[in-house]
Each structure stands twice: as C-alpha cells, then as structure tokens.
Amino acid sequence: MALTLISTPLNITTSDTAVTSVDITSGIDGTYQSYEFHCVNMYPETNNVNFCFQVNAATGSNTAGFDQVITSSSARAYLKEDGTGGTLGYDANSDHHQEVSLQRILSTGTGDDADQSVSGILRLYAPSSTTYVKHFLAEGNGADHGDYTVNSWTAGYINTTEAIDEITFKFDSGDIEAGTIKMFGVS
C-alpha cells in the first residue's frame, strides 16, 4: 500500500489560531478506494473531551450537514502514569447504534494539561461507493485527563449507499487549540 498526501487541512501550533472544527469538503472522491486521516497531537481547549468525526454525502440527497447514520463498536486499554488501574475492555460509551451524533475516535477523556493530547489514524473505506455502506476503522492513543494513557480502537460503518464526500473532525466540547491532520489517499 502506498499513501499519497492529498492535503493538510489542519496544522496549528498555538491557541491563537484555534478552530472549532476541521471540515474537509473536497478531495474525497472516486480517485482512491480508501482514505487515511492522520491526526497528530490534537490538543483540546477543554478538559475531559472526546475527539470525534462525522461525515456527509453532500452530492447526494442528504445535504443537511454532517449527520449520517453510524453503527460502531469500541474497545480501549488504559494504564495510569503511576502504573495502576490498567485494563482492557469494551467501551460502550463510544458505540453507536444507528445514530447521527458525532462518533468518538482515537481516545476518550483527553485532558487539557500542557502535556496531554490525542493522536491516531482514521481509515475510511470506499467512500465513493453507491452500492455498499462505508466502513471505517480508527485507532489511537491519548493522554486522559486523569493522567492515564488510553489506547482505543473503534470500527463501524456509515449506513448509507450514497457517496460520502465530506468529513468533519472536532472535540465534543471546545476548540481544537493545536494539532495536525493530514489526508492521504491509499493505493
């Protein structure tokens, strides 16, 4: 597999340029069968927040916004900085059951301390297909507000046969104060 950099829709290093969301409204088309979004050191304005995404079929019948129906399942592992509290398990709070709300990915409860952020990769498969639902897989690691390292895995599908051509990334509260997002086509 080869990655082709399509764009860097976010690259901020200070809170002076903070944004509420990163909306990618071009570049997701039939050129590639899958896309990767590399999210690096996403730093929140607000403590104890979740990094999320949602998609849109802008050229289809649903042009209202980022509100596609998602079904997903999540798991996470975490360990406290002092070596206590480690566990691996199912994360029911991040699951979607035919929901249109933001989908949590990469980590949960990201902190806003100076040394806390979240990083990871979201993979979106065959977004231009007009035959099948759109599958996704996200994996990441973040520094939790309670001083844990949290590794998370989320997978699911976007329940539409319309082509997905837009995506948004945001924290579920507050701005993105720093971070980089790169969009790649996979060939």
N, C-alpha and C. Protein backbone atom coordinates (compact mmCIF):
# COMPACT_ATOMS: atom_id res chain seq x y z
N MET A 1 0.84 -1.18 0.00
CA MET A 1 0.00 0.00 0.00
C MET A 1 0.88 1.24 0.00
N ALA A 2 0.49 2.19 -0.81
CA ALA A 2 1.19 3.46 -0.87
C ALA A 2 0.23 4.58 -0.46
N LEU A 3 0.75 5.53 0.31
CA LEU A 3 -0.04 6.69 0.72
C LEU A 3 0.35 7.88 -0.13
N THR A 4 -0.67 8.60 -0.61
CA THR A 4 -0.46 9.84 -1.36
C THR A 4 -1.07 10.97 -0.56
N LEU A 5 -0.23 11.94 -0.16
CA LEU A 5 -0.73 13.08 0.60
C LEU A 5 -1.64 13.91 -0.30
N ILE A 6 -2.87 14.09 0.12
CA ILE A 6 -3.84 14.91 -0.63
C ILE A 6 -3.85 16.33 -0.08
N SER A 7 -3.91 16.46 1.25
CA SER A 7 -3.94 17.80 1.84
C SER A 7 -3.57 17.73 3.33
N THR A 8 -3.27 18.89 3.87
CA THR A 8 -3.06 19.07 5.31
C THR A 8 -4.07 20.11 5.76
N PRO A 9 -5.30 19.68 6.04
CA PRO A 9 -6.36 20.65 6.36
C PRO A 9 -6.22 21.33 7.71
N LEU A 10 -5.32 20.82 8.56
CA LEU A 10 -5.10 21.46 9.86
C LEU A 10 -3.62 21.34 10.22
N ASN A 11 -3.02 22.46 10.61
CA ASN A 11 -1.66 22.46 11.11
C ASN A 11 -1.50 23.70 11.98
N ILE A 12 -1.94 23.60 13.24
CA ILE A 12 -1.84 24.74 14.14
C ILE A 12 -1.01 24.37 15.36
N THR A 13 -0.25 25.34 15.85
CA THR A 13 0.65 25.09 16.97
C THR A 13 0.36 25.97 18.18
N THR A 14 -0.49 26.96 18.04
CA THR A 14 -0.80 27.83 19.19
C THR A 14 -2.30 28.06 19.27
N SER A 15 -2.76 28.41 20.45
CA SER A 15 -4.19 28.66 20.65
C SER A 15 -4.66 29.93 19.94
N ASP A 16 -3.72 30.74 19.45
CA ASP A 16 -4.09 31.96 18.71
C ASP A 16 -4.84 31.63 17.43
N THR A 17 -4.68 30.42 16.93
CA THR A 17 -5.33 30.01 15.68
C THR A 17 -6.30 28.85 15.91
N ALA A 18 -6.83 28.71 17.11
CA ALA A 18 -7.74 27.62 17.45
C ALA A 18 -8.95 27.62 16.53
N VAL A 19 -9.48 26.40 16.29
CA VAL A 19 -10.67 26.24 15.45
C VAL A 19 -11.67 25.33 16.16
N THR A 20 -12.94 25.52 15.86
CA THR A 20 -13.98 24.68 16.45
C THR A 20 -14.01 23.31 15.80
N SER A 21 -13.84 23.28 14.48
CA SER A 21 -13.87 22.00 13.76
C SER A 21 -12.99 22.11 12.52
N VAL A 22 -12.67 20.96 11.96
CA VAL A 22 -11.96 20.88 10.69
C VAL A 22 -12.90 20.18 9.72
N ASP A 23 -13.42 20.94 8.76
CA ASP A 23 -14.35 20.41 7.77
C ASP A 23 -13.62 20.21 6.45
N ILE A 24 -13.52 18.96 6.01
CA ILE A 24 -12.88 18.64 4.74
C ILE A 24 -13.99 18.44 3.73
N THR A 25 -14.10 19.37 2.79
CA THR A 25 -15.21 19.37 1.84
C THR A 25 -14.77 19.12 0.40
N SER A 26 -13.51 18.77 0.21
CA SER A 26 -13.04 18.41 -1.13
C SER A 26 -11.93 17.37 -1.01
N GLY A 27 -11.72 16.61 -2.06
CA GLY A 27 -10.65 15.63 -2.09
C GLY A 27 -11.08 14.21 -1.80
N ILE A 28 -12.27 14.02 -1.24
CA ILE A 28 -12.78 12.66 -1.03
C ILE A 28 -13.67 12.34 -2.21
N ASP A 29 -13.17 11.49 -3.10
CA ASP A 29 -13.89 11.19 -4.34
C ASP A 29 -13.51 9.78 -4.79
N GLY A 30 -13.76 9.43 -6.01
CA GLY A 30 -13.51 8.08 -6.52
C GLY A 30 -12.06 7.82 -6.91
N THR A 31 -11.15 8.76 -6.66
CA THR A 31 -9.75 8.58 -7.03
C THR A 31 -9.13 7.41 -6.28
N TYR A 32 -9.45 7.24 -5.01
CA TYR A 32 -8.89 6.18 -4.19
C TYR A 32 -10.00 5.33 -3.59
N GLN A 33 -9.70 4.05 -3.35
CA GLN A 33 -10.66 3.14 -2.71
C GLN A 33 -10.72 3.33 -1.20
N SER A 34 -9.66 3.90 -0.62
CA SER A 34 -9.69 4.19 0.81
C SER A 34 -8.85 5.43 1.10
N TYR A 35 -9.17 6.04 2.22
CA TYR A 35 -8.51 7.28 2.66
C TYR A 35 -8.08 7.11 4.10
N GLU A 36 -6.95 7.75 4.44
CA GLU A 36 -6.49 7.79 5.82
C GLU A 36 -6.38 9.23 6.27
N PHE A 37 -6.77 9.46 7.51
CA PHE A 37 -6.66 10.77 8.12
C PHE A 37 -5.75 10.61 9.34
N HIS A 38 -4.56 11.18 9.27
CA HIS A 38 -3.60 11.09 10.36
C HIS A 38 -3.77 12.33 11.23
N CYS A 39 -4.15 12.11 12.46
CA CYS A 39 -4.40 13.19 13.43
C CYS A 39 -3.28 13.13 14.46
N VAL A 40 -2.49 14.21 14.54
CA VAL A 40 -1.28 14.20 15.36
C VAL A 40 -1.35 15.29 16.43
N ASN A 41 -1.19 14.88 17.67
CA ASN A 41 -1.17 15.80 18.82
C ASN A 41 -2.34 16.78 18.81
N MET A 42 -3.54 16.24 18.71
CA MET A 42 -4.74 17.06 18.77
C MET A 42 -4.93 17.49 20.22
N TYR A 43 -4.83 18.78 20.45
CA TYR A 43 -4.84 19.34 21.80
C TYR A 43 -6.11 20.14 22.01
N PRO A 44 -6.90 19.79 23.04
CA PRO A 44 -8.19 20.45 23.25
C PRO A 44 -8.10 21.70 24.11
N GLU A 45 -9.04 22.60 23.89
CA GLU A 45 -9.21 23.78 24.73
C GLU A 45 -9.80 23.39 26.08
N THR A 46 -10.66 22.37 26.08
CA THR A 46 -11.45 21.97 27.24
C THR A 46 -10.95 20.65 27.80
N ASN A 47 -10.97 20.50 29.11
CA ASN A 47 -10.53 19.27 29.76
C ASN A 47 -11.59 18.18 29.65
N ASN A 48 -11.15 16.92 29.56
CA ASN A 48 -12.02 15.76 29.57
C ASN A 48 -13.00 15.75 28.40
N VAL A 49 -12.45 15.80 27.19
CA VAL A 49 -13.26 15.82 25.98
C VAL A 49 -12.87 14.66 25.06
N ASN A 50 -13.72 14.40 24.09
CA ASN A 50 -13.52 13.29 23.17
C ASN A 50 -13.32 13.82 21.76
N PHE A 51 -12.32 13.26 21.06
CA PHE A 51 -12.09 13.64 19.67
C PHE A 51 -13.04 12.82 18.81
N CYS A 52 -13.71 13.48 17.85
CA CYS A 52 -14.81 12.86 17.12
C CYS A 52 -14.75 13.16 15.63
N PHE A 53 -15.54 12.42 14.86
CA PHE A 53 -15.76 12.72 13.45
C PHE A 53 -17.21 12.46 13.10
N GLN A 54 -17.62 13.00 11.94
CA GLN A 54 -18.91 12.71 11.34
C GLN A 54 -18.75 13.02 9.85
N VAL A 55 -19.58 12.46 9.00
CA VAL A 55 -19.44 12.60 7.55
C VAL A 55 -20.73 13.10 6.91
N ASN A 56 -20.60 13.44 5.63
CA ASN A 56 -21.73 13.96 4.88
C ASN A 56 -21.68 13.45 3.44
N ALA A 57 -22.85 13.21 2.88
CA ALA A 57 -23.00 12.88 1.46
C ALA A 57 -23.50 14.15 0.77
N ALA A 58 -22.62 15.12 0.58
CA ALA A 58 -23.00 16.45 0.10
C ALA A 58 -23.61 16.43 -1.29
N THR A 59 -23.16 15.52 -2.15
CA THR A 59 -23.69 15.49 -3.50
C THR A 59 -24.91 14.56 -3.62
N GLY A 60 -25.30 13.93 -2.52
CA GLY A 60 -26.45 13.04 -2.52
C GLY A 60 -27.71 13.77 -2.09
N SER A 61 -28.66 13.00 -1.61
CA SER A 61 -29.94 13.58 -1.21
C SER A 61 -29.89 14.21 0.17
N ASN A 62 -28.89 13.83 0.99
CA ASN A 62 -28.78 14.34 2.35
C ASN A 62 -27.76 15.48 2.40
N THR A 63 -28.18 16.67 2.08
CA THR A 63 -27.26 17.81 2.05
C THR A 63 -27.39 18.69 3.29
N ALA A 64 -28.02 18.17 4.34
CA ALA A 64 -28.27 18.97 5.55
C ALA A 64 -27.02 19.22 6.37
N GLY A 65 -26.02 18.37 6.25
CA GLY A 65 -24.82 18.56 7.05
C GLY A 65 -24.23 17.24 7.50
N PHE A 66 -23.35 17.31 8.46
CA PHE A 66 -22.65 16.14 8.95
C PHE A 66 -23.54 15.36 9.91
N ASP A 67 -24.37 14.49 9.34
CA ASP A 67 -25.36 13.78 10.16
C ASP A 67 -25.74 12.42 9.58
N GLN A 68 -24.75 11.68 9.12
CA GLN A 68 -25.02 10.35 8.58
C GLN A 68 -25.20 9.35 9.72
N VAL A 69 -25.96 8.31 9.47
CA VAL A 69 -26.23 7.26 10.45
C VAL A 69 -25.01 6.35 10.57
N ILE A 70 -24.53 6.15 11.82
CA ILE A 70 -23.35 5.33 12.07
C ILE A 70 -23.69 4.22 13.06
N THR A 71 -23.14 3.04 12.79
CA THR A 71 -23.16 1.93 13.74
C THR A 71 -21.71 1.55 13.99
N SER A 72 -21.32 1.40 15.27
CA SER A 72 -19.92 1.16 15.58
C SER A 72 -19.76 0.38 16.88
N SER A 73 -18.53 -0.07 17.12
CA SER A 73 -18.16 -0.76 18.34
C SER A 73 -16.77 -0.28 18.73
N SER A 74 -16.51 -0.19 20.04
CA SER A 74 -15.24 0.35 20.51
C SER A 74 -14.67 -0.48 21.66
N ALA A 75 -13.35 -0.45 21.75
CA ALA A 75 -12.63 -1.06 22.87
C ALA A 75 -11.49 -0.13 23.24
N ARG A 76 -11.03 -0.25 24.48
CA ARG A 76 -9.89 0.57 24.88
C ARG A 76 -9.09 -0.12 25.97
N ALA A 77 -7.83 0.27 26.04
CA ALA A 77 -6.93 -0.18 27.09
C ALA A 77 -6.35 1.06 27.73
N TYR A 78 -6.16 1.03 29.03
CA TYR A 78 -5.56 2.20 29.67
C TYR A 78 -4.74 1.80 30.88
N LEU A 79 -3.80 2.68 31.22
CA LEU A 79 -2.92 2.50 32.35
C LEU A 79 -2.57 3.86 32.91
N LYS A 80 -2.64 4.01 34.22
CA LYS A 80 -2.33 5.28 34.87
C LYS A 80 -0.81 5.51 34.88
N GLU A 81 -0.41 6.78 34.92
CA GLU A 81 1.02 7.13 34.90
C GLU A 81 1.80 6.42 36.00
N ASP A 82 1.20 6.18 37.16
CA ASP A 82 1.91 5.52 38.26
C ASP A 82 1.89 4.00 38.15
N GLY A 83 1.35 3.46 37.03
CA GLY A 83 1.35 2.02 36.79
C GLY A 83 0.14 1.28 37.34
N THR A 84 -0.82 2.00 37.90
CA THR A 84 -2.02 1.35 38.45
C THR A 84 -3.20 1.52 37.50
N GLY A 85 -4.25 0.77 37.81
CA GLY A 85 -5.53 0.96 37.12
C GLY A 85 -5.58 0.47 35.69
N GLY A 86 -4.69 -0.39 35.27
CA GLY A 86 -4.69 -0.87 33.90
C GLY A 86 -5.83 -1.80 33.60
N THR A 87 -6.39 -1.67 32.41
CA THR A 87 -7.47 -2.57 32.00
C THR A 87 -7.61 -2.55 30.48
N LEU A 88 -8.26 -3.55 29.96
CA LEU A 88 -8.59 -3.67 28.54
C LEU A 88 -10.04 -4.10 28.48
N GLY A 89 -10.85 -3.41 27.66
CA GLY A 89 -12.25 -3.83 27.60
C GLY A 89 -13.08 -3.09 26.58
N TYR A 90 -14.31 -3.52 26.50
CA TYR A 90 -15.32 -2.95 25.63
C TYR A 90 -15.68 -1.55 26.13
N ASP A 91 -15.87 -0.60 25.22
CA ASP A 91 -16.19 0.79 25.57
C ASP A 91 -17.59 1.13 25.07
N ALA A 92 -18.60 0.82 25.86
CA ALA A 92 -19.99 1.05 25.46
C ALA A 92 -20.32 2.52 25.26
N ASN A 93 -19.60 3.42 25.92
CA ASN A 93 -19.88 4.86 25.79
C ASN A 93 -19.52 5.42 24.42
N SER A 94 -18.68 4.72 23.67
CA SER A 94 -18.27 5.21 22.36
C SER A 94 -19.02 4.54 21.21
N ASP A 95 -19.84 3.54 21.52
CA ASP A 95 -20.59 2.83 20.48
C ASP A 95 -21.72 3.68 19.92
N HIS A 96 -22.05 3.41 18.67
CA HIS A 96 -23.22 3.99 18.02
C HIS A 96 -24.13 2.85 17.58
N HIS A 97 -25.42 3.06 17.74
CA HIS A 97 -26.41 2.07 17.30
C HIS A 97 -27.39 2.81 16.40
N GLN A 98 -27.00 2.97 15.12
CA GLN A 98 -27.81 3.71 14.16
C GLN A 98 -28.03 5.15 14.65
N GLU A 99 -26.94 5.85 14.97
CA GLU A 99 -27.01 7.21 15.50
C GLU A 99 -26.40 8.20 14.52
N VAL A 100 -26.84 9.45 14.59
CA VAL A 100 -26.32 10.51 13.73
C VAL A 100 -25.40 11.48 14.48
N SER A 101 -25.15 11.22 15.75
CA SER A 101 -24.28 12.10 16.54
C SER A 101 -22.82 11.90 16.16
N LEU A 102 -21.95 12.77 16.70
CA LEU A 102 -20.52 12.64 16.47
C LEU A 102 -20.03 11.28 16.96
N GLN A 103 -19.12 10.68 16.20
CA GLN A 103 -18.53 9.39 16.56
C GLN A 103 -17.20 9.63 17.27
N ARG A 104 -17.08 9.17 18.52
CA ARG A 104 -15.80 9.28 19.24
C ARG A 104 -14.77 8.38 18.58
N ILE A 105 -13.54 8.90 18.46
CA ILE A 105 -12.44 8.10 17.93
C ILE A 105 -11.13 8.45 18.64
N LEU A 106 -10.16 7.61 18.51
CA LEU A 106 -8.77 7.78 18.92
C LEU A 106 -8.53 7.71 20.42
N SER A 107 -9.38 8.27 21.23
CA SER A 107 -9.21 8.22 22.68
C SER A 107 -10.45 8.82 23.32
N THR A 108 -10.59 8.66 24.62
CA THR A 108 -11.70 9.29 25.34
C THR A 108 -11.15 10.09 26.51
N GLY A 109 -11.83 11.14 26.88
CA GLY A 109 -11.47 11.93 28.05
C GLY A 109 -10.14 12.64 27.96
N THR A 110 -9.78 13.12 26.77
CA THR A 110 -8.49 13.79 26.58
C THR A 110 -8.39 15.01 27.49
N GLY A 111 -7.23 15.15 28.12
CA GLY A 111 -7.02 16.26 29.04
C GLY A 111 -6.45 17.49 28.35
N ASP A 112 -6.54 18.62 29.07
CA ASP A 112 -6.01 19.88 28.52
C ASP A 112 -4.75 20.35 29.24
N ASP A 113 -4.10 19.45 30.01
CA ASP A 113 -2.80 19.80 30.59
C ASP A 113 -1.82 20.04 29.45
N ALA A 114 -0.75 20.76 29.72
CA ALA A 114 0.23 21.11 28.68
C ALA A 114 0.84 19.88 28.01
N ASP A 115 0.89 18.73 28.71
CA ASP A 115 1.50 17.54 28.12
C ASP A 115 0.46 16.51 27.63
N GLN A 116 -0.79 16.90 27.46
CA GLN A 116 -1.83 15.95 27.06
C GLN A 116 -2.38 16.28 25.67
N SER A 117 -2.62 15.23 24.88
CA SER A 117 -3.19 15.36 23.55
C SER A 117 -3.62 13.97 23.10
N VAL A 118 -4.11 13.87 21.86
CA VAL A 118 -4.52 12.59 21.30
C VAL A 118 -4.00 12.50 19.86
N SER A 119 -3.56 11.31 19.46
CA SER A 119 -3.07 11.08 18.10
C SER A 119 -3.59 9.74 17.60
N GLY A 120 -3.74 9.62 16.28
CA GLY A 120 -4.16 8.35 15.72
C GLY A 120 -4.54 8.46 14.26
N ILE A 121 -5.09 7.38 13.74
CA ILE A 121 -5.43 7.27 12.32
C ILE A 121 -6.88 6.81 12.17
N LEU A 122 -7.62 7.50 11.30
CA LEU A 122 -8.94 7.06 10.88
C LEU A 122 -8.84 6.59 9.44
N ARG A 123 -9.31 5.38 9.17
CA ARG A 123 -9.34 4.84 7.81
C ARG A 123 -10.79 4.78 7.35
N LEU A 124 -11.06 5.31 6.16
CA LEU A 124 -12.40 5.31 5.58
C LEU A 124 -12.32 4.53 4.27
N TYR A 125 -13.13 3.49 4.15
CA TYR A 125 -13.06 2.58 3.00
C TYR A 125 -14.19 2.84 2.01
N ALA A 126 -13.82 2.91 0.73
CA ALA A 126 -14.74 3.03 -0.40
C ALA A 126 -15.82 4.10 -0.19
N PRO A 127 -15.44 5.33 0.16
CA PRO A 127 -16.45 6.36 0.42
C PRO A 127 -17.27 6.73 -0.81
N SER A 128 -16.75 6.49 -2.01
CA SER A 128 -17.48 6.86 -3.23
C SER A 128 -18.43 5.79 -3.72
N SER A 129 -18.44 4.64 -3.08
CA SER A 129 -19.33 3.56 -3.49
C SER A 129 -20.79 4.00 -3.37
N THR A 130 -21.57 3.67 -4.39
CA THR A 130 -23.01 3.92 -4.32
C THR A 130 -23.77 2.58 -4.23
N THR A 131 -23.04 1.52 -3.87
CA THR A 131 -23.63 0.19 -3.72
C THR A 131 -23.65 -0.26 -2.27
N TYR A 132 -22.56 0.01 -1.55
CA TYR A 132 -22.39 -0.53 -0.20
C TYR A 132 -22.31 0.57 0.86
N VAL A 133 -22.51 0.16 2.12
CA VAL A 133 -22.27 1.06 3.25
C VAL A 133 -20.77 1.35 3.30
N LYS A 134 -20.37 2.35 4.07
CA LYS A 134 -18.97 2.78 4.14
C LYS A 134 -18.36 2.35 5.48
N HIS A 135 -17.36 1.50 5.43
CA HIS A 135 -16.71 1.00 6.64
C HIS A 135 -15.59 1.95 7.08
N PHE A 136 -15.33 1.98 8.39
CA PHE A 136 -14.22 2.77 8.91
C PHE A 136 -13.57 2.04 10.07
N LEU A 137 -12.32 2.41 10.32
CA LEU A 137 -11.54 1.85 11.40
C LEU A 137 -10.68 2.97 11.96
N ALA A 138 -10.69 3.15 13.27
CA ALA A 138 -9.87 4.18 13.91
C ALA A 138 -9.08 3.56 15.05
N GLU A 139 -7.83 3.95 15.16
CA GLU A 139 -7.01 3.53 16.28
C GLU A 139 -6.14 4.69 16.72
N GLY A 140 -6.01 4.84 18.02
CA GLY A 140 -5.23 5.96 18.51
C GLY A 140 -4.86 5.84 19.95
N ASN A 141 -4.12 6.84 20.43
CA ASN A 141 -3.70 6.91 21.81
C ASN A 141 -3.76 8.33 22.29
N GLY A 142 -4.22 8.51 23.51
CA GLY A 142 -4.32 9.85 24.07
C GLY A 142 -3.95 9.89 25.53
N ALA A 143 -3.67 11.11 26.00
CA ALA A 143 -3.38 11.34 27.41
C ALA A 143 -4.68 11.80 28.07
N ASP A 144 -5.24 10.94 28.89
CA ASP A 144 -6.51 11.17 29.57
C ASP A 144 -6.37 12.24 30.65
N HIS A 145 -7.47 12.94 30.92
CA HIS A 145 -7.48 13.99 31.94
C HIS A 145 -7.14 13.47 33.34
N GLY A 146 -7.29 12.19 33.57
CA GLY A 146 -6.95 11.59 34.87
C GLY A 146 -5.54 11.02 34.91
N ASP A 147 -4.70 11.46 33.97
CA ASP A 147 -3.30 11.02 33.88
C ASP A 147 -3.16 9.54 33.55
N TYR A 148 -3.98 9.08 32.61
CA TYR A 148 -3.88 7.74 32.04
C TYR A 148 -3.40 7.85 30.60
N THR A 149 -2.76 6.80 30.11
CA THR A 149 -2.59 6.64 28.68
C THR A 149 -3.74 5.75 28.22
N VAL A 150 -4.45 6.17 27.18
CA VAL A 150 -5.61 5.43 26.71
C VAL A 150 -5.41 5.08 25.24
N ASN A 151 -5.39 3.78 24.95
CA ASN A 151 -5.30 3.28 23.59
C ASN A 151 -6.69 2.82 23.20
N SER A 152 -7.18 3.28 22.05
CA SER A 152 -8.56 2.92 21.68
C SER A 152 -8.65 2.44 20.23
N TRP A 153 -9.65 1.61 20.01
CA TRP A 153 -9.96 1.06 18.70
C TRP A 153 -11.46 1.20 18.47
N THR A 154 -11.84 1.79 17.36
CA THR A 154 -13.25 1.95 17.02
C THR A 154 -13.42 1.51 15.57
N ALA A 155 -14.44 0.74 15.31
CA ALA A 155 -14.73 0.29 13.95
C ALA A 155 -16.23 0.31 13.75
N GLY A 156 -16.64 0.50 12.50
CA GLY A 156 -18.06 0.50 12.22
C GLY A 156 -18.34 0.81 10.78
N TYR A 157 -19.57 1.23 10.54
CA TYR A 157 -19.96 1.59 9.19
C TYR A 157 -20.92 2.77 9.19
N ILE A 158 -20.87 3.50 8.10
CA ILE A 158 -21.78 4.61 7.86
C ILE A 158 -22.88 4.02 7.00
N ASN A 159 -24.10 4.03 7.51
CA ASN A 159 -25.19 3.28 6.90
C ASN A 159 -25.88 4.07 5.79
N THR A 160 -25.14 4.26 4.69
CA THR A 160 -25.72 4.87 3.50
C THR A 160 -25.04 4.29 2.28
N THR A 161 -25.78 4.22 1.18
CA THR A 161 -25.18 3.82 -0.08
C THR A 161 -24.87 5.04 -0.94
N GLU A 162 -25.12 6.22 -0.42
CA GLU A 162 -24.73 7.44 -1.13
C GLU A 162 -23.23 7.66 -0.94
N ALA A 163 -22.60 8.29 -1.90
CA ALA A 163 -21.18 8.59 -1.81
C ALA A 163 -20.92 9.60 -0.70
N ILE A 164 -19.96 9.28 0.15
CA ILE A 164 -19.52 10.20 1.21
C ILE A 164 -18.40 11.06 0.63
N ASP A 165 -18.57 12.38 0.69
CA ASP A 165 -17.54 13.26 0.11
C ASP A 165 -17.11 14.40 1.02
N GLU A 166 -17.58 14.39 2.28
CA GLU A 166 -17.16 15.40 3.26
C GLU A 166 -17.00 14.74 4.63
N ILE A 167 -16.08 15.29 5.43
CA ILE A 167 -15.85 14.78 6.78
C ILE A 167 -15.51 15.96 7.69
N THR A 168 -15.93 15.86 8.95
CA THR A 168 -15.58 16.87 9.94
C THR A 168 -14.91 16.19 11.13
N PHE A 169 -13.94 16.89 11.72
CA PHE A 169 -13.28 16.45 12.95
C PHE A 169 -13.44 17.55 13.97
N LYS A 170 -13.68 17.17 15.23
CA LYS A 170 -13.81 18.16 16.30
C LYS A 170 -13.79 17.45 17.65
N PHE A 171 -13.54 18.22 18.71
CA PHE A 171 -13.76 17.72 20.05
C PHE A 171 -15.23 17.92 20.36
N ASP A 172 -15.79 17.10 21.24
CA ASP A 172 -17.22 17.22 21.53
C ASP A 172 -17.54 18.43 22.40
N SER A 173 -16.53 19.18 22.81
CA SER A 173 -16.73 20.45 23.51
C SER A 173 -15.47 21.29 23.34
N GLY A 174 -15.65 22.57 23.10
CA GLY A 174 -14.50 23.46 22.98
C GLY A 174 -13.78 23.36 21.65
N ASP A 175 -12.73 24.17 21.53
CA ASP A 175 -11.96 24.26 20.29
C ASP A 175 -10.82 23.25 20.23
N ILE A 176 -10.28 23.11 19.02
CA ILE A 176 -9.01 22.43 18.80
C ILE A 176 -7.95 23.52 18.91
N GLU A 177 -7.10 23.45 19.93
CA GLU A 177 -6.11 24.51 20.16
C GLU A 177 -4.82 24.26 19.39
N ALA A 178 -4.50 23.00 19.10
CA ALA A 178 -3.30 22.68 18.34
C ALA A 178 -3.47 21.29 17.75
N GLY A 179 -2.68 21.00 16.73
CA GLY A 179 -2.70 19.68 16.12
C GLY A 179 -2.51 19.74 14.63
N THR A 180 -2.31 18.58 14.06
CA THR A 180 -2.12 18.44 12.61
C THR A 180 -3.02 17.32 12.11
N ILE A 181 -3.71 17.56 11.02
CA ILE A 181 -4.47 16.50 10.34
C ILE A 181 -3.97 16.45 8.90
N LYS A 182 -3.60 15.27 8.47
CA LYS A 182 -3.18 15.05 7.08
C LYS A 182 -4.11 14.03 6.46
N MET A 183 -4.55 14.30 5.22
CA MET A 183 -5.43 13.39 4.49
C MET A 183 -4.64 12.71 3.38
N PHE A 184 -4.69 11.37 3.37
CA PHE A 184 -3.97 10.58 2.38
C PHE A 184 -4.94 9.71 1.58
N GLY A 185 -4.64 9.52 0.31
CA GLY A 185 -5.30 8.51 -0.49
C GLY A 185 -4.45 7.25 -0.43
N VAL A 186 -5.09 6.08 -0.37
CA VAL A 186 -4.38 4.82 -0.26
C VAL A 186 -4.50 4.07 -1.58
N SER A 187 -3.34 3.71 -2.17
CA SER A 187 -3.37 2.95 -3.42
C SER A 187 -2.54 1.69 -3.30
